[in-house]
């Protein structure tokens, strides 16, 4: 019988980690949602607008199509980012140290125990990890692990539990 050594994670929930979490979660959720296909349709429609504008010499239609593309790819993300940054600044977790203990059967944070059955997915995102619990993303930065081996153990455990998203 082998004993499982818990994996300890600790990091400061500061603005830098928050911004990395936002970018990772936004990109992952956008790439894995119906919005992506709606976006393709949206862009196709604007491309038709550009073609008709160029053929007919309609500058206003060309401008509208360009503005829609810029909105879809850049402005929308900036608006969401600005809103969530305001929420972060008011958050009671701002600049707090987060401590998580990962066990064979549970994940414990601040005395609250979460069963692996309640974990939706563990998503590697570059060097960082997104932990999805009840459809909400929780960010674990690369530096939160004591070593690369600890991070590998976490991923192996998530894979064993059938929660690793690849």
C-alpha atoms as a PDB file:
ATOM      1  CA  UNK A   1       0.000   0.000   0.000  1.00  0.00           C
ATOM      2  CA  UNK A   2       1.518   3.276  -1.069  1.00  0.00           C
ATOM      3  CA  UNK A   3       0.927   6.499   0.761  1.00  0.00           C
ATOM      4  CA  UNK A   4       0.172   9.577  -1.265  1.00  0.00           C
ATOM      5  CA  UNK A   5       2.196  12.639  -0.376  1.00  0.00           C
ATOM      6  CA  UNK A   6      -0.081  15.717  -0.692  1.00  0.00           C
ATOM      7  CA  UNK A   7       0.781  18.327  -3.288  1.00  0.00           C
ATOM      8  CA  UNK A   8       1.070  21.785  -1.763  1.00  0.00           C
ATOM      9  CA  UNK A   9       0.293  24.853  -3.862  1.00  0.00           C
ATOM     10  CA  UNK A  10       0.771  28.420  -2.683  1.00  0.00           C
ATOM     11  CA  UNK A  11       0.770  31.719  -4.532  1.00  0.00           C
ATOM     12  CA  UNK A  12      -0.201  35.353  -4.111  1.00  0.00           C
ATOM     13  CA  UNK A  13      -3.451  36.364  -5.839  1.00  0.00           C
ATOM     14  CA  UNK A  14      -2.147  39.662  -7.173  1.00  0.00           C
ATOM     15  CA  UNK A  15      -2.878  41.728 -10.259  1.00  0.00           C
ATOM     16  CA  UNK A  16      -0.236  39.927 -12.365  1.00  0.00           C
ATOM     17  CA  UNK A  17      -1.682  36.485 -11.602  1.00  0.00           C
ATOM     18  CA  UNK A  18      -5.198  37.810 -12.094  1.00  0.00           C
ATOM     19  CA  UNK A  19      -4.363  39.124 -15.571  1.00  0.00           C
ATOM     20  CA  UNK A  20      -2.701  35.835 -16.536  1.00  0.00           C
ATOM     21  CA  UNK A  21      -5.769  33.977 -15.244  1.00  0.00           C
ATOM     22  CA  UNK A  22      -8.096  36.243 -17.215  1.00  0.00           C
ATOM     23  CA  UNK A  23      -6.188  35.768 -20.480  1.00  0.00           C
ATOM     24  CA  UNK A  24      -5.893  31.989 -20.060  1.00  0.00           C
ATOM     25  CA  UNK A  25      -9.556  31.493 -19.135  1.00  0.00           C
ATOM     26  CA  UNK A  26     -10.852  33.916 -21.793  1.00  0.00           C
ATOM     27  CA  UNK A  27      -8.858  32.236 -24.555  1.00  0.00           C
ATOM     28  CA  UNK A  28      -9.723  28.686 -23.442  1.00  0.00           C
ATOM     29  CA  UNK A  29     -13.420  29.387 -23.045  1.00  0.00           C
ATOM     30  CA  UNK A  30     -13.624  31.296 -26.326  1.00  0.00           C
ATOM     31  CA  UNK A  31     -11.896  28.496 -28.242  1.00  0.00           C
ATOM     32  CA  UNK A  32     -14.151  25.861 -26.692  1.00  0.00           C
ATOM     33  CA  UNK A  33     -17.541  27.483 -27.008  1.00  0.00           C
ATOM     34  CA  UNK A  34     -20.266  28.097 -29.549  1.00  0.00           C
ATOM     35  CA  UNK A  35     -19.171  31.762 -29.607  1.00  0.00           C
ATOM     36  CA  UNK A  36     -16.211  30.726 -31.735  1.00  0.00           C
ATOM     37  CA  UNK A  37     -18.492  29.494 -34.525  1.00  0.00           C
ATOM     38  CA  UNK A  38     -20.760  32.489 -34.161  1.00  0.00           C
ATOM     39  CA  UNK A  39     -17.628  34.584 -34.550  1.00  0.00           C
ATOM     40  CA  UNK A  40     -16.701  32.809 -37.762  1.00  0.00           C
ATOM     41  CA  UNK A  41     -20.177  33.522 -39.122  1.00  0.00           C
ATOM     42  CA  UNK A  42     -19.878  37.123 -37.960  1.00  0.00           C
ATOM     43  CA  UNK A  43     -16.507  37.544 -39.702  1.00  0.00           C
ATOM     44  CA  UNK A  44     -17.805  35.888 -42.906  1.00  0.00           C
ATOM     45  CA  UNK A  45     -20.680  38.357 -42.997  1.00  0.00           C
ATOM     46  CA  UNK A  46     -18.312  41.305 -42.559  1.00  0.00           C
ATOM     47  CA  UNK A  47     -16.088  39.956 -45.338  1.00  0.00           C
ATOM     48  CA  UNK A  48     -19.114  39.928 -47.644  1.00  0.00           C
ATOM     49  CA  UNK A  49     -19.680  43.508 -46.549  1.00  0.00           C
ATOM     50  CA  UNK A  50     -16.104  44.405 -47.502  1.00  0.00           C
ATOM     51  CA  UNK A  51     -16.473  42.751 -50.931  1.00  0.00           C
ATOM     52  CA  UNK A  52     -19.755  44.558 -51.658  1.00  0.00           C
ATOM     53  CA  UNK A  53     -18.278  47.812 -50.379  1.00  0.00           C
ATOM     54  CA  UNK A  54     -15.262  47.555 -52.652  1.00  0.00           C
ATOM     55  CA  UNK A  55     -17.368  46.571 -55.682  1.00  0.00           C
ATOM     56  CA  UNK A  56     -19.901  49.318 -55.150  1.00  0.00           C
ATOM     57  CA  UNK A  57     -17.546  51.982 -53.838  1.00  0.00           C
ATOM     58  CA  UNK A  58     -19.481  52.171 -50.564  1.00  0.00           C
ATOM     59  CA  UNK A  59     -17.006  53.513 -48.048  1.00  0.00           C
ATOM     60  CA  UNK A  60     -19.523  53.522 -45.183  1.00  0.00           C
ATOM     61  CA  UNK A  61     -20.133  49.762 -45.545  1.00  0.00           C
ATOM     62  CA  UNK A  62     -16.376  49.169 -45.657  1.00  0.00           C
ATOM     63  CA  UNK A  63     -15.924  51.208 -42.464  1.00  0.00           C
ATOM     64  CA  UNK A  64     -18.768  49.377 -40.722  1.00  0.00           C
ATOM     65  CA  UNK A  65     -17.307  45.988 -41.632  1.00  0.00           C
ATOM     66  CA  UNK A  66     -13.874  47.036 -40.394  1.00  0.00           C
ATOM     67  CA  UNK A  67     -15.298  48.346 -37.121  1.00  0.00           C
ATOM     68  CA  UNK A  68     -17.201  45.090 -36.577  1.00  0.00           C
ATOM     69  CA  UNK A  69     -14.052  43.006 -37.075  1.00  0.00           C
ATOM     70  CA  UNK A  70     -12.053  45.238 -34.706  1.00  0.00           C
ATOM     71  CA  UNK A  71     -14.867  45.020 -32.142  1.00  0.00           C
ATOM     72  CA  UNK A  72     -15.092  41.218 -32.356  1.00  0.00           C
ATOM     73  CA  UNK A  73     -11.378  40.572 -31.923  1.00  0.00           C
ATOM     74  CA  UNK A  74     -10.172  43.427 -29.706  1.00  0.00           C
ATOM     75  CA  UNK A  75     -12.705  45.814 -28.208  1.00  0.00           C
ATOM     76  CA  UNK A  76     -14.969  43.092 -26.778  1.00  0.00           C
ATOM     77  CA  UNK A  77     -12.068  41.514 -24.867  1.00  0.00           C
ATOM     78  CA  UNK A  78     -10.881  44.908 -23.599  1.00  0.00           C
ATOM     79  CA  UNK A  79     -14.372  45.745 -22.302  1.00  0.00           C
ATOM     80  CA  UNK A  80     -14.641  42.443 -20.444  1.00  0.00           C
ATOM     81  CA  UNK A  81     -11.102  42.829 -19.089  1.00  0.00           C
ATOM     82  CA  UNK A  82     -11.846  46.326 -17.783  1.00  0.00           C
ATOM     83  CA  UNK A  83     -15.010  45.101 -16.034  1.00  0.00           C
ATOM     84  CA  UNK A  84     -13.326  42.124 -14.343  1.00  0.00           C
ATOM     85  CA  UNK A  85     -10.336  44.249 -13.302  1.00  0.00           C
ATOM     86  CA  UNK A  86     -12.740  46.536 -11.414  1.00  0.00           C
ATOM     87  CA  UNK A  87     -14.176  43.470  -9.683  1.00  0.00           C
ATOM     88  CA  UNK A  88     -10.665  42.246  -8.829  1.00  0.00           C
ATOM     89  CA  UNK A  89      -9.740  45.581  -7.248  1.00  0.00           C
ATOM     90  CA  UNK A  90     -12.750  45.266  -4.892  1.00  0.00           C
ATOM     91  CA  UNK A  91     -12.164  41.561  -4.180  1.00  0.00           C
ATOM     92  CA  UNK A  92     -11.412  40.448  -0.621  1.00  0.00           C
ATOM     93  CA  UNK A  93      -8.892  37.965  -2.087  1.00  0.00           C
ATOM     94  CA  UNK A  94      -6.791  40.731  -3.656  1.00  0.00           C
ATOM     95  CA  UNK A  95      -3.125  40.348  -2.629  1.00  0.00           C
ATOM     96  CA  UNK A  96      -3.868  37.354  -0.395  1.00  0.00           C
ATOM     97  CA  UNK A  97      -1.763  34.223  -0.347  1.00  0.00           C
ATOM     98  CA  UNK A  98      -3.709  31.220  -1.595  1.00  0.00           C
ATOM     99  CA  UNK A  99      -2.815  27.850  -0.070  1.00  0.00           C
ATOM    100  CA  UNK A 100      -4.153  24.640  -1.574  1.00  0.00           C
ATOM    101  CA  UNK A 101      -3.455  21.079  -0.492  1.00  0.00           C
ATOM    102  CA  UNK A 102      -4.135  18.442  -3.122  1.00  0.00           C
ATOM    103  CA  UNK A 103      -4.790  14.980  -1.788  1.00  0.00           C
ATOM    104  CA  UNK A 104      -5.595  11.665  -3.410  1.00  0.00           C
ATOM    105  CA  UNK A 105      -9.360  12.147  -2.874  1.00  0.00           C
ATOM    106  CA  UNK A 106      -9.846  15.844  -2.116  1.00  0.00           C
ATOM    107  CA  UNK A 107      -8.553  19.345  -2.703  1.00  0.00           C
ATOM    108  CA  UNK A 108      -8.448  21.504   0.414  1.00  0.00           C
ATOM    109  CA  UNK A 109      -8.325  25.302   0.444  1.00  0.00           C
ATOM    110  CA  UNK A 110      -8.718  27.301   3.645  1.00  0.00           C
ATOM    111  CA  UNK A 111     -10.290  24.332   5.406  1.00  0.00           C
ATOM    112  CA  UNK A 112     -12.862  23.780   2.649  1.00  0.00           C
ATOM    113  CA  UNK A 113     -12.655  20.322   1.142  1.00  0.00           C
ATOM    114  CA  UNK A 114     -13.636  19.645  -2.481  1.00  0.00           C
ATOM    115  CA  UNK A 115     -13.946  16.094  -3.735  1.00  0.00           C
ATOM    116  CA  UNK A 116     -12.321  15.175  -7.035  1.00  0.00           C
ATOM    117  CA  UNK A 117     -15.829  14.163  -8.162  1.00  0.00           C
ATOM    118  CA  UNK A 118     -16.827  17.854  -8.020  1.00  0.00           C
ATOM    119  CA  UNK A 119     -13.930  18.949 -10.240  1.00  0.00           C
ATOM    120  CA  UNK A 120     -15.072  19.535 -13.830  1.00  0.00           C
ATOM    121  CA  UNK A 121     -11.622  19.663 -15.438  1.00  0.00           C
ATOM    122  CA  UNK A 122      -7.939  20.410 -14.980  1.00  0.00           C
ATOM    123  CA  UNK A 123      -6.784  22.379 -18.026  1.00  0.00           C
ATOM    124  CA  UNK A 124      -3.091  22.986 -18.721  1.00  0.00           C
ATOM    125  CA  UNK A 125      -2.769  26.446 -20.251  1.00  0.00           C
ATOM    126  CA  UNK A 126       0.813  27.091 -21.239  1.00  0.00           C
ATOM    127  CA  UNK A 127       2.853  26.781 -18.052  1.00  0.00           C
ATOM    128  CA  UNK A 128      -0.169  27.523 -15.880  1.00  0.00           C
ATOM    129  CA  UNK A 129      -3.231  25.454 -14.976  1.00  0.00           C
ATOM    130  CA  UNK A 130      -6.945  26.250 -14.917  1.00  0.00           C
ATOM    131  CA  UNK A 131      -8.971  24.244 -12.421  1.00  0.00           C
ATOM    132  CA  UNK A 132     -12.680  24.174 -13.281  1.00  0.00           C
ATOM    133  CA  UNK A 133     -15.073  23.632 -10.380  1.00  0.00           C
ATOM    134  CA  UNK A 134     -18.819  24.076 -10.970  1.00  0.00           C
ATOM    135  CA  UNK A 135     -18.149  25.743 -14.346  1.00  0.00           C
ATOM    136  CA  UNK A 136     -15.889  28.381 -12.745  1.00  0.00           C
ATOM    137  CA  UNK A 137     -12.205  28.665 -13.549  1.00  0.00           C
ATOM    138  CA  UNK A 138      -9.619  28.790 -10.786  1.00  0.00           C
ATOM    139  CA  UNK A 139      -6.094  29.733 -11.782  1.00  0.00           C
ATOM    140  CA  UNK A 140      -2.936  28.014 -10.610  1.00  0.00           C
ATOM    141  CA  UNK A 141       0.219  29.782 -11.847  1.00  0.00           C
ATOM    142  CA  UNK A 142       3.359  27.848 -12.733  1.00  0.00           C
ATOM    143  CA  UNK A 143       5.257  29.296  -9.761  1.00  0.00           C
ATOM    144  CA  UNK A 144       2.655  27.983  -7.291  1.00  0.00           C
ATOM    145  CA  UNK A 145       4.232  24.527  -7.329  1.00  0.00           C
ATOM    146  CA  UNK A 146       7.371  23.830  -5.319  1.00  0.00           C
ATOM    147  CA  UNK A 147       8.910  22.039  -8.310  1.00  0.00           C
ATOM    148  CA  UNK A 148       8.183  20.820 -11.805  1.00  0.00           C
ATOM    149  CA  UNK A 149       7.877  17.311 -10.352  1.00  0.00           C
ATOM    150  CA  UNK A 150       5.027  18.481  -8.109  1.00  0.00           C
ATOM    151  CA  UNK A 151       3.238  19.970 -11.094  1.00  0.00           C
ATOM    152  CA  UNK A 152       3.734  16.706 -13.003  1.00  0.00           C
ATOM    153  CA  UNK A 153       2.338  14.751 -10.045  1.00  0.00           C
ATOM    154  CA  UNK A 154      -0.723  17.019 -10.027  1.00  0.00           C
ATOM    155  CA  UNK A 155      -1.299  16.492 -13.741  1.00  0.00           C
ATOM    156  CA  UNK A 156      -0.798  12.727 -13.360  1.00  0.00           C
ATOM    157  CA  UNK A 157      -3.338  12.651 -10.513  1.00  0.00           C
ATOM    158  CA  UNK A 158      -5.816  14.675 -12.593  1.00  0.00           C
ATOM    159  CA  UNK A 159      -5.329  12.253 -15.470  1.00  0.00           C
ATOM    160  CA  UNK A 160      -5.843   9.283 -13.140  1.00  0.00           C
ATOM    161  CA  UNK A 161      -9.104  10.846 -11.932  1.00  0.00           C
ATOM    162  CA  UNK A 162     -10.193  11.443 -15.532  1.00  0.00           C
ATOM    163  CA  UNK A 163     -10.226  15.216 -15.092  1.00  0.00           C
ATOM    164  CA  UNK A 164      -7.218  16.263 -17.229  1.00  0.00           C
ATOM    165  CA  UNK A 165      -8.297  18.137 -20.345  1.00  0.00           C
ATOM    166  CA  UNK A 166      -5.949  17.580 -23.270  1.00  0.00           C
END
